[in-house]
Amino acid sequence: MKTDSLHFKIANDIEEFNQIHRMNYETFVNEIPQHERNPERMLVDRFHNENTYIIAKKGNELIGMVAVRGNRPFSLDQKLPNIDSYLPEGGSPCEIRLLSVHKDYRSSIVFYKLVERAVSHCLRNGYNLALISGTVRQLKLYKRIGFEIFGPLVGENEARFQPMFITKENFERATKAFNRLMHRQESQRKIMNFLPGPVPVKKEVEKAFSNEAISHRSTDFMDQMSDVKSMLKDMTGAPNVQVLVGTGTLSNDLVAARLHRQGGRGLILANGEFGLRLVDHARRMDLHYEVIAKGWNEEITLEEVDEYLHNEPDIRWLWLVHCETSTGYLFDLEEYKRLCNKHGVNLCVDACSSAGSTPLNLKGVFMATTVSGKAFGSYPGLAVVFHRDEVEADNSLPRYLDLGMYQENNSVPYTHSSNLVAAFHAALLELDLYSKARLNYEVRRTLERSGITCLGDGTYSPVIITIPLPEVISSRGFGDNLKKKKILISYESDYLLKRNWVQIALMGEYKLNEVMMALDKFIEEYKEQTASEAAVL
């Protein structure tokens, strides 16, 4: 998304005029069918040499325009005879035409600002009356600005317009009220966040986070930390859990450090970005391991892992990503627990994108990791490590990677964040483990009914929906366009850009009606870009 500031001016160079002709074509040929198509995809207005164009630009890009012209006959004269009989006496009229705003900015203040500057231009040049042919789709908005209807509708069936005028007095009276309205509407436009992190949070979580910080050595803080740990253990069945300042990367480093101290050869399963990151964790910690690696989103079957463990009886641990965030692929945790028990193997689980989104039974799991953000619906910044066995401090490890130090100090051996712990506590109190599955069903069904293919099926994660875009759509351009509409999807990670994939993550706090409204814009953008490319081809 461009970060250039929005500015308005009178068009005065060739490139601006060329962009005006292209926008004119897009609006009055493609969108409102008033003129014939042409191979140049440009429409030069018949009064171009007499028009003054007021334009809105974002950086060097034209995003809106309107033309002002004072010479008679007006274009409206040719559509409605004897116009002057409808107008106030003593009027000195000009005509405002070709009002067009790029579709990504039509819900913003651009429309009004163009009209405001056009009317102001008319007043500065001695006109006290401005005429327009207002599209019937925007009559309410024109009236709010101060325009009055006169005469019958004009134009063809597919392009109907209402003649309107605005006086100097009406415009000045409406300006203050309309400015207030547009400011309020702009401030109320809500960003819809479908990122895997940071996620939208509930008001209770936001309030808890904003409380004044307290000492991590205080009784109040330690009591709240104990509550958080108790809730996590009750939720998962894990006998031990540590909560520390950090990310999922840190929590997985602690698992790797623990495996290093335990010794023995292991097996890592990888069929996506985060499975490969586990391999990197193991490599950096100099673990002894093997890998079953498949293509992204390719199934790793229980049978082939069973056979591998049977043929390699010295494997002592198995490490997998429960929910592969890069695709939404979900391993069957209960089946892998049974398999590991069968072969006497310690199971380690990266549950960073699954904990909080679905019931998670970690009873019997050697070690597992997650984070405070994502599906728990809190802020990022806390790493969580579940462990089956009690752990003693080990001074051969770096202090920050010594799980035993955390256990001996109730997760607070070093400075901690009371704000993050308070927010996490509030999120756990508000958590609904089943709401994500219901929301996922509605979103997937809506996408698929619109002809948009998603990876996987109902066995995939309820909070990660991955959409491979057709080659004619750029994932970066698609995501950038939605960002302009205040809809944030996941697309900027290198691994997604490389595959031309986008993702809708449902990890935070959402209302179904707001999600479905955002989904309508997602589908509209998808269809527009597909149709646009098809037309070019």
Protein backbone atom coordinates (compact mmCIF):
# COMPACT_ATOMS: atom_id res chain seq x y z
CA MET A 1 0.00 0.00 0.00
CA LYS A 2 1.37 3.39 -0.96
CA THR A 3 2.09 5.66 1.97
CA ASP A 4 2.24 8.87 -0.15
CA SER A 5 0.01 11.66 1.14
CA LEU A 6 -3.29 12.48 -0.52
CA HIS A 7 -3.36 15.83 -2.33
CA PHE A 8 -5.69 17.77 -4.61
CA LYS A 9 -4.73 20.06 -7.49
CA ILE A 10 -5.69 21.34 -10.93
CA ALA A 11 -4.33 19.02 -13.62
CA ASN A 12 -1.60 20.65 -15.66
CA ASP A 13 0.71 18.08 -17.27
CA ILE A 14 0.51 15.44 -19.97
CA GLU A 15 0.78 12.44 -17.64
CA GLU A 16 -2.06 13.74 -15.48
CA PHE A 17 -4.23 14.25 -18.57
CA ASN A 18 -3.43 10.73 -19.79
CA GLN A 19 -4.49 9.32 -16.41
CA ILE A 20 -7.67 11.41 -16.62
CA HIS A 21 -8.49 9.90 -20.04
CA ARG A 22 -7.89 6.38 -18.67
CA MET A 23 -10.09 7.00 -15.63
CA ASN A 24 -12.71 8.55 -17.88
CA TYR A 25 -12.71 5.34 -19.93
CA GLU A 26 -12.86 3.08 -16.89
CA THR A 27 -15.81 4.98 -15.41
CA PHE A 28 -17.89 5.99 -18.44
CA VAL A 29 -17.22 2.99 -20.70
CA ASN A 30 -16.59 0.01 -18.42
CA GLU A 31 -18.58 0.98 -15.34
CA ILE A 32 -21.29 3.28 -16.65
CA PRO A 33 -21.83 2.27 -20.29
CA GLN A 34 -22.18 5.67 -21.99
CA HIS A 35 -19.51 5.28 -24.70
CA GLU A 36 -18.14 2.62 -27.02
CA ARG A 37 -15.04 0.60 -26.16
CA ASN A 38 -11.77 1.27 -27.96
CA PRO A 39 -8.42 -0.56 -28.05
CA GLU A 40 -6.56 2.38 -26.47
CA ARG A 41 -8.77 2.15 -23.35
CA MET A 42 -8.79 5.94 -23.15
CA LEU A 43 -11.72 8.35 -23.41
CA VAL A 44 -10.99 11.99 -24.26
CA ASP A 45 -13.94 14.15 -23.27
CA ARG A 46 -15.48 16.17 -26.12
CA PHE A 47 -15.07 19.34 -24.05
CA HIS A 48 -11.55 18.45 -22.96
CA ASN A 49 -9.98 21.68 -24.22
CA GLU A 50 -12.51 23.76 -22.26
CA ASN A 51 -12.46 21.71 -19.04
CA THR A 52 -10.64 22.58 -15.85
CA TYR A 53 -9.86 19.30 -14.08
CA ILE A 54 -9.61 19.17 -10.30
CA ILE A 55 -7.88 15.92 -9.42
CA ALA A 56 -7.02 13.85 -6.33
CA LYS A 57 -3.67 12.08 -6.30
CA LYS A 58 -1.99 9.55 -4.03
CA GLY A 59 1.65 10.01 -4.82
CA ASN A 60 1.75 10.01 -8.63
CA GLU A 61 -1.43 7.96 -8.98
CA LEU A 62 -4.70 9.60 -10.00
CA ILE A 63 -7.46 8.39 -7.66
CA GLY A 64 -10.23 10.92 -8.42
CA MET A 65 -11.21 13.69 -10.78
CA VAL A 66 -13.93 16.19 -11.63
CA ALA A 67 -14.21 18.66 -14.51
CA VAL A 68 -15.53 22.25 -14.35
CA ARG A 69 -16.66 24.16 -17.44
CA GLY A 70 -18.39 27.51 -17.84
CA ASN A 71 -19.08 27.69 -21.60
CA ARG A 72 -22.62 27.25 -22.93
CA PRO A 73 -24.18 25.14 -24.19
CA PHE A 74 -23.54 22.72 -21.34
CA SER A 75 -23.73 19.00 -21.90
CA LEU A 76 -26.90 19.16 -19.80
CA ASP A 77 -28.38 21.67 -22.27
CA GLN A 78 -28.35 18.89 -24.85
CA LYS A 79 -30.17 16.48 -22.55
CA LEU A 80 -32.78 18.80 -21.02
CA PRO A 81 -34.25 21.69 -23.02
CA ASN A 82 -34.79 25.12 -21.47
CA ILE A 83 -32.65 24.47 -18.36
CA ASP A 84 -32.75 28.10 -17.27
CA SER A 85 -36.48 27.87 -16.53
CA TYR A 86 -35.66 25.48 -13.68
CA LEU A 87 -32.92 27.60 -12.12
CA PRO A 88 -33.02 30.46 -9.59
CA GLU A 89 -33.20 33.91 -11.14
CA GLY A 90 -29.99 35.85 -11.42
CA GLY A 91 -27.87 32.73 -11.51
CA SER A 92 -24.52 32.62 -13.25
CA PRO A 93 -24.09 28.88 -13.79
CA CYS A 94 -21.20 26.59 -14.63
CA GLU A 95 -21.24 22.83 -15.05
CA ILE A 96 -19.49 20.16 -13.00
CA ARG A 97 -18.95 16.92 -14.92
CA LEU A 98 -17.00 13.66 -15.08
CA LEU A 99 -16.91 13.14 -11.33
CA SER A 100 -15.08 9.85 -10.79
CA VAL A 101 -13.29 8.25 -7.83
CA HIS A 102 -11.18 5.09 -7.94
CA LYS A 103 -13.16 2.24 -6.38
CA ASP A 104 -10.65 1.76 -3.55
CA TYR A 105 -11.32 5.32 -2.30
CA ARG A 106 -15.06 5.65 -2.69
CA SER A 107 -15.72 5.08 1.00
CA SER A 108 -13.31 7.87 1.91
CA ILE A 109 -13.48 11.65 1.98
CA VAL A 110 -12.13 11.94 -1.59
CA PHE A 111 -15.59 12.24 -3.20
CA TYR A 112 -16.62 15.19 -1.08
CA LYS A 113 -13.28 16.94 -1.29
CA LEU A 114 -13.41 16.88 -5.09
CA VAL A 115 -16.90 18.40 -5.09
CA GLU A 116 -15.87 20.94 -2.48
CA ARG A 117 -12.91 22.08 -4.54
CA ALA A 118 -14.94 22.13 -7.76
CA VAL A 119 -17.62 24.34 -6.20
CA SER A 120 -14.98 26.56 -4.60
CA HIS A 121 -13.32 26.91 -8.03
CA CYS A 122 -16.67 27.98 -9.50
CA LEU A 123 -17.19 30.60 -6.80
CA ARG A 124 -13.67 32.01 -7.25
CA ASN A 125 -14.33 32.42 -10.96
CA GLY A 126 -17.57 34.41 -10.59
CA TYR A 127 -20.14 31.61 -10.88
CA ASN A 128 -22.80 31.40 -8.17
CA LEU A 129 -24.54 28.26 -9.39
CA ALA A 130 -23.09 24.84 -10.25
CA LEU A 131 -25.00 22.24 -12.29
CA ILE A 132 -24.41 18.50 -12.36
CA SER A 133 -25.92 15.38 -13.82
CA GLY A 134 -25.86 13.33 -10.63
CA THR A 135 -25.74 9.55 -10.88
CA VAL A 136 -28.85 8.10 -9.27
CA ARG A 137 -26.62 5.90 -7.09
CA GLN A 138 -25.30 8.94 -5.21
CA LEU A 139 -28.36 11.19 -4.93
CA LYS A 140 -28.45 10.97 -1.14
CA LEU A 141 -24.83 12.06 -0.95
CA TYR A 142 -25.32 14.94 -3.39
CA LYS A 143 -28.29 16.19 -1.39
CA ARG A 144 -26.23 16.05 1.80
CA ILE A 145 -23.61 18.26 0.14
CA GLY A 146 -26.35 20.79 -0.67
CA PHE A 147 -27.45 19.99 -4.25
CA GLU A 148 -31.12 20.39 -5.20
CA ILE A 149 -32.97 18.30 -7.78
CA PHE A 150 -34.54 19.92 -10.81
CA GLY A 151 -36.20 18.50 -13.91
CA PRO A 152 -36.71 14.86 -14.92
CA LEU A 153 -34.11 12.09 -15.12
CA VAL A 154 -31.95 12.09 -18.23
CA GLY A 155 -29.78 9.52 -19.98
CA GLU A 156 -30.22 5.93 -21.16
CA ASN A 157 -31.67 3.08 -19.12
CA GLU A 158 -28.27 1.79 -18.02
CA ALA A 159 -26.93 5.27 -17.24
CA ARG A 160 -29.60 7.44 -15.63
CA PHE A 161 -28.76 10.86 -14.20
CA GLN A 162 -30.63 13.45 -12.20
CA PRO A 163 -30.09 17.15 -13.07
CA MET A 164 -29.15 19.05 -9.89
CA PHE A 165 -27.79 22.43 -8.90
CA ILE A 166 -26.11 23.93 -5.88
CA THR A 167 -26.07 27.58 -4.86
CA LYS A 168 -23.33 29.38 -2.99
CA GLU A 169 -25.57 29.66 0.08
CA ASN A 170 -26.49 25.95 0.12
CA PHE A 171 -22.90 24.88 -0.29
CA GLU A 172 -21.64 27.05 2.54
CA ARG A 173 -24.46 25.87 4.81
CA ALA A 174 -23.83 22.19 4.08
CA THR A 175 -20.02 22.30 4.27
CA LYS A 176 -19.60 22.34 8.05
CA ALA A 177 -22.17 19.61 8.67
CA PHE A 178 -20.82 17.45 5.88
CA ASN A 179 -17.26 17.84 7.08
CA ARG A 180 -18.31 16.59 10.50
CA LEU A 181 -20.16 13.66 8.95
CA MET A 182 -17.25 12.61 6.75
CA HIS A 183 -14.80 12.85 9.63
CA ARG A 184 -17.04 10.66 11.78
CA GLN A 185 -17.51 8.09 9.01
CA GLU A 186 -13.78 7.98 8.32
CA SER A 187 -12.91 7.47 11.99
CA GLN A 188 -15.51 4.74 12.33
CA ARG A 189 -14.21 2.66 9.45
CA LYS A 190 -12.92 -0.44 11.14
CA ILE A 191 -9.86 -2.36 10.11
CA MET A 192 -10.66 -6.05 9.69
CA ASN A 193 -7.60 -8.00 10.75
CA PHE A 194 -7.27 -11.53 9.39
CA LEU A 195 -3.59 -11.90 10.22
CA PRO A 196 -2.18 -14.83 12.24
CA GLY A 197 -0.67 -12.21 14.50
CA PRO A 198 -1.07 -9.71 15.92
CA VAL A 199 -4.77 -10.50 16.19
CA PRO A 200 -7.81 -8.39 17.12
CA VAL A 201 -8.46 -8.67 20.86
CA LYS A 202 -11.49 -8.29 23.07
CA LYS A 203 -12.07 -5.10 25.04
CA GLU A 204 -11.44 -6.99 28.28
CA VAL A 205 -8.00 -7.99 27.02
CA GLU A 206 -7.19 -4.47 25.86
CA LYS A 207 -8.30 -3.04 29.21
CA ALA A 208 -6.22 -5.55 31.19
CA PHE A 209 -3.14 -4.76 29.12
CA SER A 210 -3.53 -1.01 29.63
CA ASN A 211 -3.49 -1.23 33.44
CA GLU A 212 -0.48 0.26 35.20
CA ALA A 213 2.49 -2.11 35.29
CA ILE A 214 3.32 -3.80 38.57
CA SER A 215 6.48 -5.47 39.83
CA HIS A 216 7.12 -9.00 38.63
CA ARG A 217 8.20 -9.79 42.21
CA SER A 218 4.92 -8.64 43.76
CA THR A 219 2.41 -11.04 45.31
CA ASP A 220 -0.34 -9.79 42.98
CA PHE A 221 1.72 -10.58 39.91
CA MET A 222 2.78 -14.02 41.15
CA ASP A 223 -0.84 -14.85 41.98
CA GLN A 224 -1.94 -13.90 38.50
CA MET A 225 0.88 -15.91 36.94
CA SER A 226 -0.21 -18.93 38.99
CA ASP A 227 -3.78 -18.47 37.74
CA VAL A 228 -2.60 -18.32 34.13
CA LYS A 229 -0.56 -21.50 34.54
CA SER A 230 -3.45 -23.31 36.26
CA MET A 231 -5.84 -22.40 33.43
CA LEU A 232 -3.36 -23.59 30.80
CA LYS A 233 -2.85 -26.91 32.60
CA ASP A 234 -6.60 -27.42 33.10
CA MET A 235 -7.21 -26.65 29.44
CA THR A 236 -4.60 -29.06 28.09
CA GLY A 237 -4.06 -31.74 30.72
CA ALA A 238 -0.33 -30.96 30.79
CA PRO A 239 1.14 -31.45 34.29
CA ASN A 240 3.66 -28.60 33.97
CA VAL A 241 3.81 -25.31 32.09
CA GLN A 242 6.12 -22.30 32.03
CA VAL A 243 5.25 -18.82 30.77
CA LEU A 244 8.13 -16.59 29.79
CA VAL A 245 8.77 -13.33 27.94
CA GLY A 246 9.39 -14.20 24.29
CA THR A 247 7.93 -15.69 21.13
CA GLY A 248 7.21 -19.12 19.70
CA THR A 249 10.75 -19.21 18.39
CA LEU A 250 12.09 -18.96 21.93
CA SER A 251 9.73 -21.65 23.22
CA ASN A 252 10.90 -24.01 20.47
CA ASP A 253 14.51 -23.19 21.29
CA LEU A 254 13.81 -24.34 24.85
CA VAL A 255 12.47 -27.63 23.49
CA ALA A 256 15.59 -28.04 21.35
CA ALA A 257 17.79 -27.28 24.38
CA ARG A 258 15.92 -29.87 26.44
CA LEU A 259 16.29 -32.49 23.69
CA HIS A 260 19.98 -31.69 23.47
CA ARG A 261 20.41 -32.42 27.18
CA GLN A 262 18.28 -35.57 26.95
CA GLY A 263 20.34 -36.94 24.05
CA GLY A 264 19.28 -39.61 21.57
CA ARG A 265 18.32 -39.50 17.92
CA GLY A 266 15.04 -37.95 16.82
CA LEU A 267 12.64 -37.63 13.89
CA ILE A 268 11.15 -34.37 12.62
CA LEU A 269 8.09 -34.19 10.34
CA ALA A 270 8.01 -31.32 7.87
CA ASN A 271 5.50 -30.50 5.13
CA GLY A 272 5.52 -26.70 5.34
CA GLU A 273 7.44 -23.63 6.47
CA PHE A 274 7.17 -24.23 10.19
CA GLY A 275 8.07 -27.89 10.03
CA LEU A 276 11.24 -26.81 8.24
CA ARG A 277 11.85 -24.28 11.00
CA LEU A 278 11.83 -27.13 13.54
CA VAL A 279 14.58 -28.70 11.44
CA ASP A 280 16.50 -25.44 11.74
CA HIS A 281 16.01 -25.36 15.51
CA ALA A 282 17.43 -28.89 15.70
CA ARG A 283 20.36 -28.06 13.44
CA ARG A 284 21.33 -24.99 15.43
CA MET A 285 21.22 -26.97 18.69
CA ASP A 286 23.32 -29.72 17.11
CA LEU A 287 20.71 -32.42 17.70
CA HIS A 288 20.93 -35.85 16.12
CA TYR A 289 17.86 -36.23 13.96
CA GLU A 290 16.25 -37.54 10.79
CA VAL A 291 13.55 -35.83 8.75
CA ILE A 292 10.50 -37.02 6.89
CA ALA A 293 9.99 -34.09 4.53
CA LYS A 294 7.15 -33.77 2.03
CA GLY A 295 6.03 -31.05 -0.34
CA TRP A 296 4.05 -28.21 1.15
CA ASN A 297 0.55 -29.37 2.04
CA GLU A 298 1.42 -32.97 1.09
CA GLU A 299 0.14 -35.49 3.61
CA ILE A 300 2.56 -37.30 5.90
CA THR A 301 0.69 -40.48 6.71
CA LEU A 302 0.64 -42.16 10.08
CA GLU A 303 1.51 -45.42 8.35
CA GLU A 304 4.79 -44.19 6.89
CA VAL A 305 5.84 -42.69 10.25
CA ASP A 306 4.90 -45.95 11.95
CA GLU A 307 7.03 -47.88 9.46
CA TYR A 308 9.94 -45.47 9.89
CA LEU A 309 9.90 -45.82 13.68
CA HIS A 310 9.67 -49.59 13.35
CA ASN A 311 12.74 -49.67 11.11
CA GLU A 312 14.68 -47.19 13.25
CA PRO A 313 14.22 -48.44 16.84
CA ASP A 314 16.86 -46.05 18.25
CA ILE A 315 14.68 -42.99 17.53
CA ARG A 316 13.94 -41.49 20.96
CA TRP A 317 11.86 -38.41 20.12
CA LEU A 318 9.51 -37.12 17.41
CA TRP A 319 8.86 -33.41 16.77
CA LEU A 320 6.00 -32.02 14.67
CA VAL A 321 3.98 -28.85 14.11
CA HIS A 322 0.41 -29.59 15.16
CA CYS A 323 -1.00 -26.86 12.88
CA GLU A 324 1.28 -26.03 9.96
CA THR A 325 0.58 -22.29 9.77
CA SER A 326 1.82 -21.97 6.21
CA THR A 327 -0.97 -24.20 4.88
CA GLY A 328 -3.46 -24.98 7.66
CA TYR A 329 -2.53 -28.69 7.60
CA LEU A 330 -3.41 -30.28 10.95
CA PHE A 331 -1.75 -33.43 12.27
CA ASP A 332 -3.98 -35.85 14.22
CA LEU A 333 -2.44 -35.36 17.65
CA GLU A 334 -4.24 -38.23 19.37
CA GLU A 335 -3.07 -40.69 16.73
CA TYR A 336 0.52 -39.50 17.07
CA LYS A 337 0.35 -39.81 20.83
CA ARG A 338 -0.72 -43.44 20.44
CA LEU A 339 1.97 -44.06 17.84
CA CYS A 340 4.71 -42.60 20.02
CA ASN A 341 3.53 -44.64 23.01
CA LYS A 342 3.67 -47.76 20.84
CA HIS A 343 7.32 -47.15 19.94
CA GLY A 344 8.44 -45.66 23.25
CA VAL A 345 9.16 -42.27 21.64
CA ASN A 346 8.83 -38.85 23.30
CA LEU A 347 6.43 -36.64 21.38
CA CYS A 348 7.20 -32.91 21.05
CA VAL A 349 4.58 -30.58 19.58
CA ASP A 350 4.69 -27.04 18.23
CA ALA A 351 1.13 -25.91 19.04
CA CYS A 352 1.66 -22.18 18.43
CA SER A 353 -1.17 -21.96 15.88
CA SER A 354 -3.48 -24.61 17.32
CA ALA A 355 -3.63 -23.88 21.05
CA GLY A 356 -6.71 -21.77 21.72
CA SER A 357 -8.41 -22.62 18.43
CA THR A 358 -9.44 -26.20 19.18
CA PRO A 359 -9.44 -28.55 22.19
CA LEU A 360 -5.84 -29.61 22.83
CA ASN A 361 -5.03 -32.68 24.93
CA LEU A 362 -1.34 -32.64 25.90
CA LYS A 363 -1.57 -35.38 28.48
CA GLY A 364 1.41 -37.67 27.90
CA VAL A 365 3.11 -35.26 25.48
CA PHE A 366 6.80 -34.83 26.36
CA MET A 367 6.96 -31.14 25.47
CA ALA A 368 4.75 -28.66 23.64
CA THR A 369 4.92 -24.96 22.82
CA THR A 370 2.56 -22.10 22.15
CA VAL A 371 2.29 -18.31 22.51
CA SER A 372 0.03 -15.74 24.15
CA GLY A 373 -1.12 -14.21 20.88
CA LYS A 374 -2.67 -15.98 17.89
CA ALA A 375 -5.73 -18.10 18.73
CA PHE A 376 -5.66 -17.29 22.43
CA GLY A 377 -6.66 -13.77 21.39
CA SER A 378 -4.12 -11.82 23.39
CA TYR A 379 -1.04 -9.77 22.54
CA PRO A 380 2.18 -11.38 21.31
CA GLY A 381 5.11 -11.42 23.68
CA LEU A 382 4.71 -14.46 25.93
CA ALA A 383 6.18 -17.88 25.10
CA VAL A 384 4.61 -20.97 26.66
CA VAL A 385 6.31 -24.32 27.20
CA PHE A 386 4.37 -27.37 28.44
CA HIS A 387 6.40 -30.28 29.79
CA ARG A 388 5.50 -33.74 31.06
CA ASP A 389 8.40 -34.18 33.46
CA GLU A 390 9.71 -31.91 36.14
CA VAL A 391 13.01 -30.33 35.15
CA GLU A 392 16.00 -29.34 37.22
CA ALA A 393 18.09 -26.27 36.48
CA ASP A 394 21.10 -26.98 34.24
CA ASN A 395 23.93 -24.45 34.40
CA SER A 396 25.50 -25.84 31.24
CA LEU A 397 22.71 -24.19 29.23
CA PRO A 398 22.32 -20.47 28.48
CA ARG A 399 20.24 -18.97 31.28
CA TYR A 400 17.38 -18.01 28.97
CA LEU A 401 17.16 -21.57 27.57
CA ASP A 402 17.23 -23.33 30.94
CA LEU A 403 13.71 -24.65 31.46
CA GLY A 404 14.62 -25.79 34.97
CA MET A 405 15.27 -22.18 36.01
CA TYR A 406 11.69 -21.30 35.01
CA GLN A 407 10.23 -24.24 36.90
CA GLU A 408 12.19 -23.46 40.07
CA ASN A 409 10.98 -19.83 40.01
CA ASN A 410 7.33 -20.31 39.00
CA SER A 411 8.13 -18.98 35.50
CA VAL A 412 9.65 -15.75 36.85
CA PRO A 413 13.41 -16.15 37.21
CA TYR A 414 13.98 -12.85 35.40
CA THR A 415 12.10 -9.64 34.60
CA HIS A 416 8.56 -10.30 33.39
CA SER A 417 5.72 -8.23 31.91
CA SER A 418 2.70 -7.72 34.16
CA ASN A 419 0.82 -6.11 31.27
CA LEU A 420 1.24 -9.10 28.98
CA VAL A 421 0.37 -11.57 31.73
CA ALA A 422 -2.73 -9.59 32.69
CA ALA A 423 -3.89 -9.49 29.08
CA PHE A 424 -3.23 -13.21 28.64
CA HIS A 425 -5.16 -13.93 31.83
CA ALA A 426 -8.15 -11.94 30.54
CA ALA A 427 -7.98 -13.72 27.16
CA LEU A 428 -8.00 -17.15 28.81
CA LEU A 429 -11.07 -16.18 30.85
CA GLU A 430 -12.88 -15.16 27.64
CA LEU A 431 -11.72 -18.06 25.45
CA ASP A 432 -14.28 -20.07 23.46
CA LEU A 433 -12.55 -23.10 21.95
CA TYR A 434 -15.45 -23.93 19.65
CA SER A 435 -16.28 -20.54 18.12
CA LYS A 436 -13.49 -20.75 15.54
CA ALA A 437 -14.80 -23.95 13.99
CA ARG A 438 -18.22 -22.38 13.46
CA LEU A 439 -16.71 -19.28 11.88
CA ASN A 440 -14.38 -21.34 9.71
CA TYR A 441 -17.33 -23.30 8.33
CA GLU A 442 -19.15 -20.14 7.25
CA VAL A 443 -16.07 -18.57 5.66
CA ARG A 444 -14.99 -21.70 3.77
CA ARG A 445 -18.50 -22.34 2.52
CA THR A 446 -18.88 -18.75 1.30
CA LEU A 447 -15.52 -18.80 -0.50
CA GLU A 448 -16.12 -22.14 -2.16
CA ARG A 449 -19.63 -21.17 -3.28
CA SER A 450 -18.02 -18.20 -4.99
CA GLY A 451 -15.66 -20.49 -6.90
CA ILE A 452 -12.60 -19.76 -4.74
CA THR A 453 -10.52 -22.83 -3.91
CA CYS A 454 -9.08 -23.31 -0.42
CA LEU A 455 -6.37 -25.75 0.60
CA GLY A 456 -7.56 -28.77 2.52
CA ASP A 457 -10.95 -29.61 3.98
CA GLY A 458 -12.73 -29.89 7.32
CA THR A 459 -9.76 -31.74 8.82
CA TYR A 460 -7.59 -28.65 8.47
CA SER A 461 -7.10 -25.92 11.02
CA PRO A 462 -10.21 -23.95 11.96
CA VAL A 463 -8.19 -20.73 12.09
CA ILE A 464 -6.03 -20.87 8.95
CA ILE A 465 -7.61 -20.74 5.48
CA THR A 466 -5.05 -20.80 2.67
CA ILE A 467 -6.08 -19.71 -0.83
CA PRO A 468 -3.84 -20.36 -3.84
CA LEU A 469 -4.50 -17.51 -6.25
CA PRO A 470 -4.66 -18.11 -10.01
CA GLU A 471 -1.62 -16.98 -11.98
CA VAL A 472 -3.51 -13.99 -13.37
CA ILE A 473 -3.70 -12.47 -9.86
CA SER A 474 -0.62 -11.28 -7.98
CA SER A 475 -0.85 -12.13 -4.29
CA ARG A 476 1.04 -8.95 -3.41
CA GLY A 477 -1.22 -6.76 -5.51
CA PHE A 478 -4.31 -8.55 -4.22
CA GLY A 479 -3.25 -8.12 -0.60
CA ASP A 480 -2.23 -4.50 -1.18
CA ASN A 481 -5.63 -3.68 -2.66
CA LEU A 482 -7.46 -5.25 0.27
CA LYS A 483 -5.21 -3.36 2.67
CA LYS A 484 -6.38 -0.11 1.05
CA LYS A 485 -9.91 -1.23 1.92
CA LYS A 486 -8.80 -1.82 5.52
CA ILE A 487 -8.91 -5.60 5.21
CA LEU A 488 -5.69 -7.21 6.39
CA ILE A 489 -4.93 -10.71 5.14
CA SER A 490 -1.71 -12.67 5.37
CA TYR A 491 0.32 -12.45 2.16
CA GLU A 492 3.57 -10.60 2.84
CA SER A 493 5.59 -13.52 4.22
CA ASP A 494 8.23 -14.68 1.75
CA TYR A 495 6.89 -18.24 1.74
CA LEU A 496 3.41 -17.03 0.73
CA LEU A 497 4.63 -14.58 -1.91
CA LYS A 498 6.78 -17.31 -3.44
CA ARG A 499 3.73 -19.53 -3.95
CA ASN A 500 1.24 -16.77 -4.79
CA TRP A 501 -0.88 -17.76 -1.81
CA VAL A 502 -2.92 -15.62 0.57
CA GLN A 503 -4.38 -16.59 3.93
CA ILE A 504 -7.38 -15.64 6.02
CA ALA A 505 -6.58 -16.25 9.68
CA LEU A 506 -9.49 -16.38 12.13
CA MET A 507 -7.48 -16.31 15.33
CA GLY A 508 -8.74 -13.14 17.00
CA GLU A 509 -12.01 -11.63 18.15
CA TYR A 510 -14.63 -11.36 15.38
CA LYS A 511 -18.31 -10.75 14.80
CA LEU A 512 -19.82 -12.92 12.09
CA ASN A 513 -21.58 -10.07 10.29
CA GLU A 514 -18.34 -8.04 10.12
CA VAL A 515 -16.44 -11.05 8.80
CA MET A 516 -19.02 -11.68 6.11
CA MET A 517 -19.01 -8.03 5.02
CA ALA A 518 -15.22 -8.16 4.70
CA LEU A 519 -15.50 -11.46 2.86
CA ASP A 520 -17.82 -9.82 0.32
CA LYS A 521 -15.05 -7.32 -0.46
CA PHE A 522 -12.49 -10.15 -0.65
CA ILE A 523 -14.66 -12.01 -3.18
CA GLU A 524 -15.41 -8.81 -5.10
CA GLU A 525 -11.69 -8.04 -5.41
CA TYR A 526 -10.97 -11.63 -6.49
CA LYS A 527 -13.63 -11.56 -9.21
CA GLU A 528 -12.68 -8.08 -10.42
CA GLN A 529 -9.02 -9.02 -10.81
CA THR A 530 -9.87 -12.32 -12.50
CA ALA A 531 -12.32 -10.64 -14.89
CA SER A 532 -9.90 -7.80 -15.60
CA GLU A 533 -7.13 -10.19 -16.62
CA ALA A 534 -9.52 -12.27 -18.68
CA ALA A 535 -10.64 -9.14 -20.55
CA VAL A 536 -7.03 -8.20 -21.32
CA LEU A 537 -6.22 -11.69 -22.57
